[in-house]
Protein backbone atom coordinates (compact mmCIF):
# COMPACT_ATOMS: atom_id res chain seq x y z
CA MET A 1 -3.13 30.59 2.94
CA GLU A 2 0.23 29.85 4.30
CA ASN A 3 1.11 26.25 5.16
CA SER A 4 0.92 24.56 8.88
CA ASP A 5 3.11 22.43 10.85
CA LEU A 6 1.35 20.50 13.31
CA LEU A 7 2.15 18.16 16.46
CA ILE A 8 -0.29 15.77 17.92
CA THR A 9 0.27 14.75 21.60
CA ALA A 10 -0.17 11.73 23.41
CA ASP A 11 -3.35 13.32 24.78
CA GLY A 12 -5.05 14.18 21.92
CA GLN A 13 -3.83 18.09 21.33
CA CYS A 14 -2.86 19.31 18.19
CA GLU A 15 -0.32 22.06 18.85
CA VAL A 16 0.74 24.62 16.04
CA CYS A 17 4.22 24.48 15.39
CA THR A 18 6.78 27.20 13.59
CA VAL A 19 6.95 26.85 10.13
CA SER A 20 10.54 26.46 8.94
CA GLN A 21 12.65 25.31 6.26
CA ASP A 22 16.04 23.73 6.47
CA LEU A 23 17.68 26.01 3.50
CA ALA A 24 21.20 24.95 4.43
CA SER A 25 23.11 23.85 1.41
CA THR A 26 20.28 25.42 -0.95
CA ALA A 27 23.14 25.51 -4.00
CA ARG A 28 22.67 22.16 -4.72
CA PRO A 29 19.59 19.86 -4.93
CA TYR A 30 18.74 17.70 -1.47
CA ARG A 31 18.60 14.58 -2.46
CA LEU A 32 16.86 11.25 -0.93
CA TYR A 33 20.11 9.83 0.28
CA ARG A 34 21.67 13.08 1.93
CA PHE A 35 18.00 12.87 3.92
CA LEU A 36 18.38 9.47 4.87
CA THR A 37 21.91 10.56 6.32
CA ASP A 38 20.66 13.44 8.13
CA MET A 39 17.91 11.47 9.48
CA GLU A 40 20.17 9.08 10.72
CA ASP A 41 22.42 11.18 12.36
CA ILE A 42 19.15 12.76 14.20
CA LEU A 43 17.90 9.08 15.30
CA GLU A 44 21.44 8.43 16.76
CA THR A 45 21.79 11.63 18.41
CA VAL A 46 18.70 13.03 19.63
CA THR A 47 16.26 10.72 21.71
CA ASP A 48 13.59 12.62 22.48
CA ASP A 49 10.78 12.40 20.18
CA ARG A 50 9.32 15.80 20.14
CA GLN A 51 12.63 17.10 19.59
CA ARG A 52 13.48 14.56 16.94
CA LEU A 53 9.95 16.03 14.98
CA GLU A 54 11.30 19.36 15.59
CA ARG A 55 14.32 18.37 13.42
CA ILE A 56 12.58 16.17 11.05
CA ARG A 57 9.74 18.47 9.80
CA PRO A 58 11.84 21.40 8.36
CA LEU A 59 14.05 18.49 6.53
CA VAL A 60 11.04 16.60 4.92
CA ARG A 61 9.82 20.33 3.76
CA ARG A 62 13.17 20.94 2.18
CA LEU A 63 13.22 17.28 0.64
CA LEU A 64 9.86 17.87 -0.71
CA THR A 65 11.06 21.27 -2.23
CA SER A 66 14.27 19.87 -3.78
CA SER A 67 13.63 16.36 -4.94
CA TYR A 68 9.80 17.54 -6.48
CA TRP A 69 9.89 14.10 -8.11
CA LEU A 70 8.86 12.30 -5.02
CA GLN A 71 5.59 14.51 -4.95
CA GLY A 72 4.98 11.88 -8.79
CA GLU A 73 5.95 8.81 -6.77
CA TYR A 74 2.94 7.33 -5.67
CA ARG A 75 0.51 4.40 -6.26
CA GLU A 76 -3.27 5.03 -7.74
CA PRO A 77 -6.10 4.31 -4.86
CA ASN A 78 -6.98 0.58 -4.98
CA PRO A 79 -10.85 0.90 -5.67
CA ASP A 80 -11.87 -1.53 -3.52
CA THR A 81 -9.97 -0.64 -0.28
CA GLY A 82 -9.95 3.21 -1.10
CA TRP A 83 -6.23 3.39 -0.73
CA SER A 84 -3.00 2.38 -1.70
CA VAL A 85 0.74 2.63 -0.28
CA LEU A 86 4.03 3.01 -2.13
CA THR A 87 7.44 2.30 0.27
CA LEU A 88 9.93 4.33 -1.02
CA TYR A 89 12.49 3.30 1.18
CA GLU A 90 12.89 0.32 3.78
CA GLU A 91 15.50 -1.56 5.05
CA PRO A 92 16.00 -4.26 7.66
CA ASP A 93 17.32 -3.20 10.77
CA PHE A 94 17.30 0.56 9.72
CA PRO A 95 14.39 2.00 11.82
CA LEU A 96 12.96 4.58 9.36
CA THR A 97 9.88 3.67 6.70
CA ILE A 98 9.06 6.11 4.12
CA GLN A 99 6.12 5.50 1.70
CA THR A 100 3.38 7.54 -0.26
CA THR A 101 0.06 6.94 0.53
CA SER A 102 -3.31 7.73 -1.83
CA TRP A 103 -6.63 7.85 -0.42
CA LEU A 104 -10.03 8.24 -2.65
CA PRO A 105 -12.44 10.78 -1.43
CA GLY A 106 -14.61 9.61 1.00
CA ARG A 107 -12.64 7.35 2.46
CA GLY A 108 -11.19 7.05 5.72
CA SER A 109 -9.01 4.79 8.39
CA PRO A 110 -9.94 3.62 11.50
CA ILE A 111 -9.19 5.01 14.94
CA HIS A 112 -5.53 3.90 15.56
CA ASN A 113 -2.30 4.47 17.05
CA HIS A 114 1.14 4.23 15.46
CA ALA A 115 3.33 3.28 18.49
CA THR A 116 6.06 5.32 16.94
CA TRP A 117 6.96 8.89 16.06
CA GLY A 118 5.28 9.78 12.52
CA VAL A 119 5.25 12.94 9.96
CA VAL A 120 2.71 13.06 7.23
CA ALA A 121 2.93 15.80 4.77
CA LEU A 122 0.34 16.41 2.26
CA LEU A 123 0.82 16.80 -1.50
CA SER A 124 -2.24 17.06 -2.56
CA GLY A 125 -6.03 16.87 -1.77
CA GLN A 126 -7.46 17.43 2.20
CA GLU A 127 -7.35 15.40 4.99
CA LYS A 128 -9.68 15.77 8.17
CA ASN A 129 -8.04 14.22 11.32
CA THR A 130 -9.96 13.56 14.41
CA PHE A 131 -7.72 13.09 17.69
CA TRP A 132 -8.12 10.92 20.46
CA ARG A 133 -7.03 9.99 23.58
CA ARG A 134 -7.50 7.06 26.68
CA THR A 135 -9.96 8.07 29.65
CA ASN A 136 -8.04 5.37 31.55
CA GLN A 137 -11.35 4.74 33.26
CA GLN A 138 -11.01 1.06 35.54
CA GLU A 139 -13.91 -0.49 34.24
CA PHE A 140 -13.45 0.07 30.18
CA PRO A 141 -9.44 0.36 29.65
CA ASP A 142 -9.74 0.74 26.09
CA ARG A 143 -11.90 3.72 26.42
CA ILE A 144 -11.11 6.65 24.57
CA GLU A 145 -12.65 10.19 23.80
CA GLN A 146 -12.41 12.36 21.08
CA VAL A 147 -10.28 15.84 21.88
CA GLY A 148 -10.55 17.63 18.36
CA GLU A 149 -10.54 17.56 15.02
CA GLN A 150 -8.01 19.72 12.20
CA VAL A 151 -8.35 19.69 8.40
CA VAL A 152 -4.85 19.11 6.83
CA ALA A 153 -4.32 20.38 3.06
CA ALA A 154 -1.62 20.04 0.76
CA GLY A 155 1.78 22.18 1.96
CA ASP A 156 0.92 21.30 5.51
CA ILE A 157 2.69 18.84 7.56
CA ILE A 158 1.18 16.66 10.52
CA SER A 159 3.33 15.04 12.94
CA PHE A 160 2.66 12.30 15.78
CA LEU A 161 3.98 11.64 19.22
CA PRO A 162 4.08 7.44 19.53
CA GLU A 163 1.10 7.42 21.50
CA ALA A 164 -1.11 9.64 19.89
CA ILE A 165 -4.14 8.30 18.50
CA HIS A 166 -6.22 9.57 15.56
CA GLN A 167 -8.24 8.89 12.75
CA VAL A 168 -8.11 9.89 9.00
CA GLU A 169 -11.50 11.19 6.55
CA ILE A 170 -10.60 12.05 2.91
CA VAL A 171 -12.72 15.31 2.50
CA GLY A 172 -13.27 17.20 -1.02
CA ASP A 173 -13.86 15.91 -4.53
CA GLU A 174 -10.14 14.57 -5.33
CA PRO A 175 -7.97 12.20 -4.00
CA SER A 176 -5.31 12.57 -1.10
CA ILE A 177 -1.94 11.75 -1.59
CA THR A 178 0.88 12.23 1.71
CA PHE A 179 4.43 11.82 2.25
CA ASN A 180 4.91 9.64 5.08
CA ILE A 181 7.68 9.00 7.57
CA TYR A 182 7.89 6.44 10.62
CA GLY A 183 10.16 5.51 13.06
CA GLU A 184 10.45 1.70 14.33
CA THR A 185 6.98 0.71 15.16
CA ASP A 186 6.35 -1.19 18.52
CA TYR A 187 3.80 -3.54 17.54
CA SER A 188 3.00 -4.73 20.96
CA GLN A 189 1.54 -1.11 21.37
CA ARG A 190 -0.10 -0.42 18.21
CA PHE A 191 -3.79 -0.51 18.33
CA GLU A 192 -7.12 -0.19 16.55
CA PHE A 193 -9.80 1.53 18.57
CA ASP A 194 -13.67 0.93 18.93
CA ALA A 195 -15.07 4.03 20.61
CA VAL A 196 -18.42 2.46 20.98
CA ASN A 197 -17.59 -1.03 22.30
CA HIS A 198 -14.77 0.52 24.12
CA THR A 199 -12.04 -2.27 22.98
CA ALA A 200 -8.62 -2.16 21.00
CA GLN A 201 -7.16 -4.44 19.16
CA LYS A 202 -3.31 -4.99 18.09
CA PHE A 203 -2.78 -4.41 14.39
C-alpha cells in the first residue's frame, strides 16, 4: 500500500498531497542536527504555513528514513492516561518542538486545535482522525460540526494548518507511535472543544 501525505485545512478539509521525498545529499546520513538547520532556514524564509508544510513533509520523510534510530525513541503509553510523550528537541526562543507520542489501542484525544502548524508521521499503528470546523453561529460562537474522517497508518504523514480542528482515536490492536513536529503555539487560540454543549476552553 502506498503511503499518503495529507493536509488538514482550517475548514476541516482533508487534502491529499503529492508524496515526495527530499533525496538531496543521500550519500551521507541526514541527521537530526541537519534537519533542525533546514527547518530553521524554512521558518526564516517561508512565511505562509501551507508552503512551509509543503517544504517540511519531505524533510520529515527523509529524516525518518535516514535516521532510523528516531523510530525507536518513544515512551511506552501510560496505562492510566493511555498515552505518553517524549520530547526529542525543544529550545527556549526557538519556535520548534519535536516529540514522539504513543497511544494505547482504543484511547483517543479530545476535540482540539493546535494553534500552530504541525506535522505528524505515523511510525506504527493506526489512528482515525475526525475533522471538525467552526460553524460561526451567533448564538453558539464555539459550535463546531464534523466534516469528515481519515484513518492514517504507518508510513503516512498528516499535517495541519493552525486553525485545523481534529480528534484522534487509536484503532486496531496495537499502540500507535507518532513523530510530531510543531511550530510556535499561540496559546490564546488553542482550544479543547465540546461538540455537545457548544463550548470551547483554552488548553
